[in-house]
Amino acid sequence: MSMFKWDVVDPGPGEAVAPHQRLAWGKTVGLGAQHVVAMFGATFVFPIVMGLNANLAIMMSGIATICFLLIVKGKVPSYLGTSAAFVGGASAIYAQGGGPADVTGAIMVSGIVLALVGVAIHFAGPGFVNNLLPPVVTGAVVMLIGFNLARVATGIYMPADRWVALITMFAVILMAVGLRGFFGRIAIFLGLIFGFVVSLVFDAIGVGGVEGKRVDWSGVKSADWFGFPPHTVDGLVGNQSPFGGANNLAEVGWHLPNLSITFTLLAIPAVIALVAENMGHVKAVSGMTGTDLDPYMGRAVAADGVGTTLASFVGGSPTTTYAENIGVMAATRVYSTAAYFVAAVVAILFGFVPKFGALVATTPSGVLGGITLVLYGMIGLLGAKIWVENKVNFANPANLVPVAAGLTMGIGLADNAFFNITSDFPLGGIAMGTLIIVLGYHLAKAVAGAAGLDDEGAILAVGDEGAHKTEGEAK
């Protein structure tokens, strides 16, 4: 099958449409638009909290998606939207005086590493990664990335407008619980819109508590309807970076990455999260389509690495396969890659609307405060979800002890440097926590194995009647 030629089908009720098939173009365009809506919220929310340009992120997500589909030969239908895995690294980079170019430079190197990991998986098989990064490790690193961000929500965004932040937070909670289906999946996006409207109302009726107006329309009025995202303003570093306040987001556009070993180490732990995320998504698509996609696992991981590298090279956001779009496939039973090509083209066209980017840049800091209170916690709890789904046994000290130490180190340090390899080469919370978790786990397993105690130890889970069981028995 040619990548750009699909078998046209007209399925009956309940019949699935395979990746190499498509509906009539009119219906395919409609499905592609649905995929755009599904990825849209998170794909432009995450660039905002990473201090990057949302227009550029959406445009590059389309380009990355096309690259992904080509690399996997159309076998794995998926959309590459903005990844949340690098939010913690971006926060740490800004805290240490870096700017948007430093963030995208660190992400670009991470993308290259991810692509190389994908190549290794392709030749060595998925078991290679499962042995190196078992669920206990990947879950801990994902949790570390999420909870390390707590001070960003409470210390940077919330103080700008505490009441709007709290109102937005509760709106997201209620929407996530009260809405069903697709609307429930985009509760974060709907919460952002709600918070934006609340900010406009507060400005109109004169509710104070902030300096000046919450929403400044001047940038939107002056922005063009059509054009390329602007170049990033020079000198955005540290507290002057867009991460310190939404009002500076208009100063961020395209730029070339700046490479730094120090900043790269702050972002590289996200690669572990992306490997786990990509492999999980491939497994999910495999289950839905009834096709063994393990032979394409390495290609999918490598393709995400290529997408992240390309996007960050011009100042865009990192990418990952999107669960939102996998959810659309599950609901429609249409797995056609043609719909994803349509979605990618629409996303690329969106990137040429600067007025939209200017509108995104007006998002008040208080709204971001409410969004991030929920969002960062959700990222952290995804780590616990990995543990639960894989039945990780924390009665086993080889699992419990290194993870406990790494999480305490990483979350406790936040963005503060702890260990300076050189005067300009510090290791902060995420980097140190990840090193302790990964190296500590494998060291603990090696020692336990040498002592003949692979699955048992002296530390038991309090109140767990089955704590004495081995990890194998617990599963």
Protein backbone atom coordinates (compact mmCIF):
# COMPACT_ATOMS: atom_id res chain seq x y z
CA MET A 1 0.00 0.00 0.00
CA SER A 2 1.28 3.47 -0.87
CA MET A 3 1.37 5.83 2.09
CA PHE A 4 -0.90 8.19 0.19
CA LYS A 5 -3.33 5.63 -1.22
CA TRP A 6 -6.04 4.05 0.90
CA ASP A 7 -8.74 1.50 0.14
CA VAL A 8 -12.09 3.32 0.13
CA VAL A 9 -14.70 1.55 2.26
CA ASP A 10 -18.27 2.11 3.38
CA PRO A 11 -18.53 0.11 6.62
CA GLY A 12 -21.74 -1.14 8.07
CA PRO A 13 -22.86 -0.45 11.66
CA GLY A 14 -20.18 -1.50 14.14
CA GLU A 15 -17.60 -2.33 11.47
CA ALA A 16 -14.09 -0.90 11.93
CA VAL A 17 -12.06 1.01 9.36
CA ALA A 18 -8.46 -0.25 9.23
CA PRO A 19 -5.39 2.04 9.04
CA HIS A 20 -4.93 1.30 5.33
CA GLN A 21 -8.57 2.13 4.59
CA ARG A 22 -10.52 5.37 4.50
CA LEU A 23 -14.07 6.62 4.22
CA ALA A 24 -15.15 8.99 1.47
CA TRP A 25 -13.08 12.18 1.56
CA GLY A 26 -15.94 14.26 2.94
CA LYS A 27 -16.28 11.99 5.96
CA THR A 28 -12.51 11.65 6.29
CA VAL A 29 -12.12 15.43 6.48
CA GLY A 30 -14.78 15.50 9.20
CA LEU A 31 -12.92 12.85 11.19
CA GLY A 32 -9.67 14.74 10.69
CA ALA A 33 -11.30 17.89 12.10
CA GLN A 34 -12.45 15.84 15.10
CA HIS A 35 -8.86 14.76 15.70
CA VAL A 36 -7.77 18.41 15.58
CA VAL A 37 -10.34 19.34 18.22
CA ALA A 38 -9.26 16.39 20.38
CA MET A 39 -5.58 17.34 20.40
CA PHE A 40 -6.07 21.09 20.34
CA GLY A 41 -6.57 21.86 24.02
CA ALA A 42 -3.51 20.13 25.43
CA THR A 43 -1.35 20.95 22.41
CA PHE A 44 -1.65 24.68 23.07
CA VAL A 45 -2.00 24.58 26.87
CA PHE A 46 1.34 22.81 27.39
CA PRO A 47 3.38 25.29 25.30
CA ILE A 48 1.95 28.09 27.41
CA VAL A 49 3.16 26.54 30.67
CA MET A 50 6.54 25.84 29.05
CA GLY A 51 6.86 29.43 27.88
CA LEU A 52 6.76 28.54 24.16
CA ASN A 53 4.69 29.72 21.22
CA ALA A 54 1.35 27.91 20.88
CA ASN A 55 0.92 28.70 17.17
CA LEU A 56 4.30 27.21 16.40
CA ALA A 57 3.58 24.21 18.62
CA ILE A 58 0.36 23.41 16.75
CA MET A 59 2.02 23.89 13.36
CA MET A 60 4.95 21.64 14.27
CA SER A 61 2.62 19.02 15.74
CA GLY A 62 1.17 18.63 12.25
CA ILE A 63 4.60 18.29 10.67
CA ALA A 64 5.69 15.84 13.39
CA THR A 65 2.55 13.75 12.85
CA ILE A 66 3.24 13.41 9.13
CA CYS A 67 6.83 12.36 9.88
CA PHE A 68 5.55 9.83 12.43
CA LEU A 69 3.11 8.24 9.97
CA LEU A 70 5.82 7.99 7.32
CA ILE A 71 8.36 6.40 9.68
CA VAL A 72 5.89 3.78 10.99
CA LYS A 73 4.79 3.12 7.39
CA GLY A 74 1.19 3.94 8.25
CA LYS A 75 0.88 0.94 10.58
CA VAL A 76 0.37 2.90 13.84
CA PRO A 77 -2.38 5.55 13.53
CA SER A 78 -1.57 8.30 16.00
CA TYR A 79 -1.32 12.06 16.41
CA LEU A 80 1.75 13.75 17.89
CA GLY A 81 0.65 16.61 20.12
CA THR A 82 2.61 18.64 22.67
CA SER A 83 4.14 16.55 25.43
CA ALA A 84 3.75 17.45 29.10
CA ALA A 85 6.81 15.40 30.07
CA PHE A 86 9.19 18.33 29.62
CA VAL A 87 7.24 20.86 31.70
CA GLY A 88 9.35 20.04 34.77
CA GLY A 89 12.58 20.41 32.85
CA ALA A 90 11.44 23.75 31.41
CA SER A 91 10.62 25.00 34.89
CA ALA A 92 14.05 23.99 36.17
CA ILE A 93 15.81 25.64 33.22
CA TYR A 94 14.01 28.94 33.73
CA ALA A 95 14.70 28.79 37.47
CA GLN A 96 18.42 28.50 36.74
CA GLY A 97 18.45 31.53 34.47
CA GLY A 98 17.77 29.91 31.11
CA GLY A 99 15.45 31.16 28.40
CA PRO A 100 13.20 29.69 25.68
CA ALA A 101 16.18 28.85 23.44
CA ASP A 102 17.79 26.92 26.31
CA VAL A 103 14.54 25.02 26.85
CA THR A 104 14.20 24.00 23.21
CA GLY A 105 17.91 23.17 23.03
CA ALA A 106 17.60 20.75 25.94
CA ILE A 107 14.42 19.28 24.44
CA MET A 108 16.09 18.85 21.04
CA VAL A 109 18.92 16.80 22.54
CA SER A 110 16.35 14.75 24.45
CA GLY A 111 14.52 14.16 21.16
CA ILE A 112 17.70 12.84 19.58
CA VAL A 113 18.22 10.52 22.56
CA LEU A 114 14.61 9.34 22.27
CA ALA A 115 15.11 8.59 18.58
CA LEU A 116 18.24 6.55 19.39
CA VAL A 117 16.34 4.64 22.08
CA GLY A 118 13.70 3.87 19.45
CA VAL A 119 16.38 2.49 17.13
CA ALA A 120 17.71 0.33 19.99
CA ILE A 121 14.19 -0.97 20.69
CA HIS A 122 13.70 -1.74 17.01
CA PHE A 123 16.77 -3.98 16.90
CA ALA A 124 16.78 -5.33 20.47
CA GLY A 125 13.03 -5.68 20.98
CA PRO A 126 10.64 -4.09 23.54
CA GLY A 127 11.98 -6.37 26.28
CA PHE A 128 15.21 -4.37 26.22
CA VAL A 129 13.44 -1.27 27.59
CA ASN A 130 11.26 -3.24 29.99
CA ASN A 131 14.37 -4.65 31.64
CA LEU A 132 16.20 -1.33 31.75
CA LEU A 133 13.19 0.77 32.78
CA PRO A 134 10.61 -1.46 34.49
CA PRO A 135 7.25 0.01 35.59
CA VAL A 136 8.49 0.78 39.11
CA VAL A 137 11.14 3.08 37.59
CA THR A 138 9.06 4.71 34.85
CA GLY A 139 6.19 5.34 37.27
CA ALA A 140 8.54 6.98 39.76
CA VAL A 141 10.14 9.25 37.15
CA VAL A 142 6.73 10.37 35.83
CA MET A 143 5.61 11.09 39.40
CA LEU A 144 8.82 13.01 40.06
CA ILE A 145 8.31 15.21 36.99
CA GLY A 146 4.74 16.07 37.97
CA PHE A 147 5.13 16.76 41.68
CA ASN A 148 8.42 18.63 41.19
CA LEU A 149 6.28 21.32 39.53
CA ALA A 150 4.14 22.11 42.56
CA ARG A 151 6.02 25.29 43.41
CA VAL A 152 5.46 26.62 39.86
CA ALA A 153 1.69 26.48 40.27
CA THR A 154 1.63 27.85 43.81
CA GLY A 155 4.65 30.17 43.68
CA ILE A 156 4.53 31.70 40.18
CA TYR A 157 1.04 31.57 38.72
CA MET A 158 -1.31 31.59 41.72
CA PRO A 159 0.06 34.72 43.45
CA ALA A 160 -0.86 36.76 40.35
CA ASP A 161 -4.58 36.22 40.97
CA ARG A 162 -5.46 33.73 43.72
CA TRP A 163 -9.25 33.94 43.40
CA VAL A 164 -9.34 33.37 39.64
CA ALA A 165 -6.87 30.50 40.13
CA LEU A 166 -9.09 28.80 42.70
CA ILE A 167 -12.28 29.38 40.70
CA THR A 168 -10.61 27.92 37.58
CA MET A 169 -9.30 24.96 39.56
CA PHE A 170 -12.74 24.04 40.90
CA ALA A 171 -14.26 24.49 37.44
CA VAL A 172 -11.78 21.97 36.02
CA ILE A 173 -12.52 19.51 38.82
CA LEU A 174 -16.28 19.75 38.29
CA MET A 175 -15.99 19.50 34.51
CA ALA A 176 -13.67 16.50 34.68
CA VAL A 177 -16.13 14.69 36.93
CA GLY A 178 -19.44 15.97 35.62
CA LEU A 179 -18.87 15.87 31.87
CA ARG A 180 -18.88 12.63 29.94
CA GLY A 181 -17.18 11.36 26.80
CA PHE A 182 -15.19 13.78 24.69
CA PHE A 183 -16.00 16.86 26.80
CA GLY A 184 -14.74 15.13 29.90
CA ARG A 185 -11.43 14.42 28.14
CA ILE A 186 -10.92 18.12 27.33
CA ALA A 187 -11.84 19.40 30.81
CA ILE A 188 -8.48 21.20 31.10
CA PHE A 189 -9.13 23.10 27.88
CA LEU A 190 -12.71 23.95 28.89
CA GLY A 191 -11.47 25.08 32.30
CA LEU A 192 -9.01 27.44 30.64
CA ILE A 193 -11.82 28.98 28.58
CA PHE A 194 -13.99 29.28 31.70
CA GLY A 195 -11.20 30.98 33.64
CA PHE A 196 -10.60 33.35 30.73
CA VAL A 197 -14.28 34.34 30.73
CA VAL A 198 -14.24 34.82 34.52
CA SER A 199 -11.21 37.11 34.13
CA LEU A 200 -13.05 39.17 31.51
CA VAL A 201 -16.10 39.46 33.79
CA PHE A 202 -13.94 40.51 36.76
CA ASP A 203 -12.25 43.14 34.59
CA ALA A 204 -15.64 44.43 33.41
CA ILE A 205 -17.17 44.78 36.88
CA GLY A 206 -13.98 46.08 38.46
CA VAL A 207 -13.02 43.22 40.77
CA GLY A 208 -9.55 44.13 41.99
CA GLY A 209 -6.73 42.16 43.53
CA VAL A 210 -4.41 42.42 40.52
CA GLU A 211 -2.31 45.14 38.96
CA GLY A 212 -4.00 46.49 35.81
CA LYS A 213 -6.34 44.47 33.62
CA ARG A 214 -6.24 40.68 33.67
CA VAL A 215 -6.71 40.47 29.89
CA ASP A 216 -4.81 42.81 27.56
CA TRP A 217 -6.26 42.85 24.01
CA SER A 218 -3.64 45.14 22.45
CA GLY A 219 -1.51 42.26 21.14
CA VAL A 220 -4.53 40.56 19.57
CA LYS A 221 -5.64 43.74 17.81
CA SER A 222 -2.21 44.37 16.33
CA ALA A 223 -1.54 40.77 15.23
CA ASP A 224 -2.00 39.77 11.59
CA TRP A 225 -4.59 37.25 10.49
CA PHE A 226 -2.11 35.41 8.29
CA GLY A 227 1.64 35.02 8.61
CA PHE A 228 4.42 33.06 10.30
CA PRO A 229 4.94 33.14 14.09
CA PRO A 230 7.36 35.97 15.00
CA HIS A 231 10.96 35.55 16.07
CA THR A 232 11.57 35.20 19.81
CA VAL A 233 12.67 38.43 21.48
CA ASP A 234 16.33 38.28 22.48
CA GLY A 235 17.31 38.27 26.15
CA LEU A 236 14.39 36.33 27.63
CA VAL A 237 16.06 34.59 30.55
CA GLY A 238 15.28 33.71 34.16
CA ASN A 239 12.64 35.91 35.74
CA GLN A 240 12.22 37.81 32.45
CA SER A 241 11.26 34.60 30.66
CA PRO A 242 7.64 33.97 29.60
CA PHE A 243 7.44 31.21 32.18
CA GLY A 244 7.36 33.83 34.91
CA GLY A 245 4.12 35.32 33.65
CA ALA A 246 1.68 34.84 30.78
CA ASN A 247 1.92 38.50 29.73
CA ASN A 248 5.34 37.88 28.15
CA LEU A 249 4.22 34.97 25.97
CA ALA A 250 3.71 37.35 23.05
CA GLU A 251 7.49 37.81 22.96
CA VAL A 252 8.08 34.14 22.13
CA GLY A 253 8.01 32.76 18.60
CA TRP A 254 10.44 30.76 16.48
CA HIS A 255 14.12 30.56 17.36
CA LEU A 256 17.09 28.28 17.01
CA PRO A 257 17.93 26.13 20.06
CA ASN A 258 20.80 26.89 22.42
CA LEU A 259 22.74 23.81 23.55
CA SER A 260 23.93 23.40 27.14
CA ILE A 261 24.97 20.25 28.98
CA THR A 262 23.65 21.63 32.25
CA PHE A 263 20.19 22.41 30.89
CA THR A 264 20.07 19.18 28.90
CA LEU A 265 20.48 17.17 32.10
CA LEU A 266 17.43 18.93 33.53
CA ALA A 267 15.28 17.77 30.59
CA ILE A 268 16.69 14.33 29.79
CA PRO A 269 14.69 12.42 32.46
CA ALA A 270 11.57 13.14 30.41
CA VAL A 271 12.87 10.66 27.82
CA ILE A 272 12.04 7.85 30.26
CA ALA A 273 8.48 9.09 30.52
CA LEU A 274 8.12 9.40 26.75
CA VAL A 275 9.43 5.88 26.12
CA ALA A 276 6.88 4.47 28.57
CA GLU A 277 4.11 6.66 27.13
CA ASN A 278 4.82 5.72 23.51
CA MET A 279 5.05 2.00 24.25
CA GLY A 280 1.78 2.17 26.19
CA HIS A 281 0.02 3.95 23.36
CA VAL A 282 1.28 1.46 20.77
CA LYS A 283 -0.04 -1.36 22.95
CA ALA A 284 -3.40 0.44 23.21
CA VAL A 285 -3.69 0.86 19.44
CA SER A 286 -2.61 -2.75 18.96
CA GLY A 287 -5.42 -3.91 21.24
CA MET A 288 -8.02 -1.79 19.45
CA THR A 289 -7.03 -2.82 15.94
CA GLY A 290 -6.37 -6.47 16.82
CA THR A 291 -2.96 -6.20 15.16
CA ASP A 292 0.45 -7.14 16.58
CA LEU A 293 2.31 -3.84 16.46
CA ASP A 294 5.34 -4.90 18.51
CA PRO A 295 7.49 -4.96 15.34
CA TYR A 296 6.71 -1.24 14.97
CA MET A 297 7.31 -0.32 18.63
CA GLY A 298 10.85 0.89 17.99
CA ARG A 299 9.79 2.82 14.91
CA ALA A 300 7.07 4.59 16.89
CA VAL A 301 9.45 5.64 19.68
CA ALA A 302 12.07 6.75 17.16
CA ALA A 303 9.44 8.66 15.18
CA ASP A 304 8.40 10.57 18.29
CA GLY A 305 12.08 11.41 18.84
CA VAL A 306 12.34 12.70 15.28
CA GLY A 307 9.17 14.76 15.73
CA THR A 308 10.44 16.27 18.99
CA THR A 309 13.82 17.06 17.41
CA LEU A 310 12.30 18.77 14.37
CA ALA A 311 9.80 20.77 16.43
CA SER A 312 12.33 22.01 18.98
CA PHE A 313 14.87 22.92 16.29
CA VAL A 314 12.70 25.88 15.27
CA GLY A 315 11.49 26.71 18.79
CA GLY A 316 8.43 24.46 18.88
CA SER A 317 7.23 22.14 21.65
CA PRO A 318 8.17 18.50 22.28
CA THR A 319 5.77 15.89 20.93
CA THR A 320 4.21 12.63 22.02
CA THR A 321 1.48 10.27 20.84
CA TYR A 322 -1.85 11.56 22.12
CA ALA A 323 -4.25 9.55 24.23
CA GLU A 324 -6.98 12.04 23.31
CA ASN A 325 -6.81 10.95 19.68
CA ILE A 326 -6.59 7.30 20.64
CA GLY A 327 -9.83 7.91 22.51
CA VAL A 328 -11.42 9.30 19.34
CA MET A 329 -10.43 6.11 17.50
CA ALA A 330 -11.88 3.97 20.26
CA ALA A 331 -15.19 5.86 20.05
CA THR A 332 -15.47 5.89 16.25
CA ARG A 333 -13.68 2.60 15.40
CA VAL A 334 -12.08 4.46 12.50
CA TYR A 335 -8.33 3.83 12.53
CA SER A 336 -7.62 5.30 9.11
CA THR A 337 -4.31 7.14 8.83
CA ALA A 338 -5.93 9.32 6.16
CA ALA A 339 -7.83 11.15 8.92
CA TYR A 340 -4.54 11.85 10.68
CA PHE A 341 -3.00 13.29 7.54
CA VAL A 342 -6.02 15.62 7.28
CA ALA A 343 -5.63 16.61 10.95
CA ALA A 344 -1.93 17.29 10.42
CA VAL A 345 -2.58 19.57 7.43
CA VAL A 346 -5.25 21.51 9.36
CA ALA A 347 -2.83 21.94 12.29
CA ILE A 348 -0.11 23.26 9.98
CA LEU A 349 -2.51 25.81 8.50
CA PHE A 350 -3.51 26.93 12.03
CA GLY A 351 0.11 27.83 12.65
CA PHE A 352 -0.14 30.58 10.03
CA VAL A 353 -2.74 32.56 12.03
CA PRO A 354 -0.73 34.92 14.30
CA LYS A 355 -3.91 36.45 15.71
CA PHE A 356 -4.72 33.10 17.29
CA GLY A 357 -1.28 32.97 18.87
CA ALA A 358 -1.73 36.49 20.22
CA LEU A 359 -5.07 35.45 21.73
CA VAL A 360 -3.41 32.53 23.49
CA ALA A 361 -0.72 34.89 24.81
CA THR A 362 -3.38 36.95 26.63
CA THR A 363 -4.22 34.04 28.97
CA PRO A 364 -4.09 35.51 32.51
CA SER A 365 -1.60 34.09 35.00
CA GLY A 366 -4.40 33.39 37.47
CA VAL A 367 -6.10 31.11 34.93
CA LEU A 368 -2.82 29.26 34.40
CA GLY A 369 -2.54 28.95 38.18
CA GLY A 370 -5.84 27.08 38.39
CA ILE A 371 -5.04 24.93 35.37
CA THR A 372 -1.59 23.95 36.61
CA LEU A 373 -2.80 23.04 40.10
CA VAL A 374 -4.76 20.24 38.48
CA LEU A 375 -2.50 19.54 35.52
CA TYR A 376 0.77 19.08 37.39
CA GLY A 377 -0.87 16.85 39.97
CA MET A 378 -2.39 14.75 37.18
CA ILE A 379 1.05 14.31 35.60
CA GLY A 380 2.40 13.13 38.95
CA LEU A 381 -0.44 10.72 39.54
CA LEU A 382 0.09 9.16 36.12
CA GLY A 383 3.15 7.65 37.74
CA ALA A 384 0.99 6.02 40.38
CA LYS A 385 -1.31 4.80 37.59
CA ILE A 386 1.66 3.02 35.97
CA TRP A 387 2.40 1.31 39.31
CA VAL A 388 -1.19 0.21 39.83
CA GLU A 389 -1.72 -1.09 36.29
CA ASN A 390 1.52 -3.09 36.48
CA LYS A 391 0.87 -4.28 40.06
CA VAL A 392 4.20 -3.05 41.36
CA ASN A 393 4.92 -4.65 44.73
CA PHE A 394 6.25 -2.11 47.24
CA ALA A 395 6.58 -4.77 49.91
CA ASN A 396 9.75 -5.60 47.99
CA PRO A 397 12.49 -3.26 49.33
CA ALA A 398 14.28 -3.32 45.98
CA ASN A 399 11.24 -1.44 44.66
CA LEU A 400 10.43 0.62 47.74
CA VAL A 401 13.75 1.95 48.99
CA PRO A 402 15.37 3.47 45.87
CA VAL A 403 12.06 4.96 44.73
CA ALA A 404 11.42 6.46 48.17
CA ALA A 405 14.89 8.00 48.26
CA GLY A 406 14.72 9.32 44.69
CA LEU A 407 11.29 10.88 45.08
CA THR A 408 12.22 12.57 48.34
CA MET A 409 15.41 13.96 46.83
CA GLY A 410 13.79 15.11 43.59
CA ILE A 411 10.63 16.67 45.01
CA GLY A 412 12.42 18.15 48.03
CA LEU A 413 15.08 19.86 45.95
CA ALA A 414 12.67 21.14 43.30
CA ASP A 415 14.84 23.34 41.05
CA ASN A 416 17.65 23.94 43.53
CA ALA A 417 21.07 22.64 42.58
CA PHE A 418 22.40 20.01 44.94
CA PHE A 419 25.53 18.55 43.40
CA ASN A 420 27.88 20.65 41.27
CA ILE A 421 30.01 18.54 38.96
CA THR A 422 31.71 21.82 37.95
CA SER A 423 30.97 25.44 38.80
CA ASP A 424 28.53 25.71 35.90
CA PHE A 425 27.35 22.10 35.83
CA PRO A 426 24.82 21.58 38.65
CA LEU A 427 22.35 18.73 39.11
CA GLY A 428 18.93 19.79 40.35
CA GLY A 429 15.93 17.93 41.74
CA ILE A 430 14.64 16.10 38.67
CA ALA A 431 18.09 15.02 37.48
CA MET A 432 19.25 13.88 40.92
CA GLY A 433 15.97 12.15 41.70
CA THR A 434 16.02 10.28 38.39
CA LEU A 435 19.62 9.15 38.86
CA ILE A 436 18.85 7.82 42.34
CA ILE A 437 15.73 5.99 41.14
CA VAL A 438 17.32 4.37 38.07
CA LEU A 439 20.76 3.57 39.48
CA GLY A 440 19.43 2.77 42.95
CA TYR A 441 16.88 0.32 41.60
CA HIS A 442 19.35 -1.65 39.52
CA LEU A 443 21.91 -1.64 42.32
CA ALA A 444 19.28 -2.86 44.79
CA LYS A 445 18.16 -5.61 42.40
CA ALA A 446 21.76 -6.71 41.87
CA VAL A 447 22.46 -6.88 45.62
CA ALA A 448 19.17 -8.66 46.31
CA GLY A 449 19.88 -11.15 43.54
CA ALA A 450 23.37 -11.86 44.84
CA ALA A 451 21.90 -12.47 48.30
CA GLY A 452 19.16 -14.71 46.89
CA LEU A 453 16.46 -12.24 47.99
CA ASP A 454 15.08 -11.09 44.62
CA ASP A 455 11.49 -10.82 45.79
CA GLU A 456 11.63 -10.64 49.56
CA GLY A 457 13.06 -8.35 52.18
CA ALA A 458 12.70 -7.07 55.69
CA ILE A 459 10.54 -4.04 54.84
CA LEU A 460 6.83 -4.82 54.75
CA ALA A 461 3.91 -2.65 53.68
CA VAL A 462 2.04 -1.54 56.78
CA GLY A 463 -1.45 -3.03 56.98
CA ASP A 464 -0.96 -5.18 53.88
CA GLU A 465 -1.95 -8.74 54.66
CA GLY A 466 -0.18 -9.94 51.57
CA ALA A 467 3.00 -7.98 52.18
CA HIS A 468 4.96 -11.13 52.81
CA LYS A 469 4.26 -12.37 49.30
CA THR A 470 6.88 -12.18 46.62
CA GLU A 471 6.49 -9.84 43.68
CA GLY A 472 5.69 -12.77 41.44
CA GLU A 473 2.99 -14.02 43.81
CA ALA A 474 1.50 -10.53 44.09
CA LYS A 475 1.02 -10.49 40.35
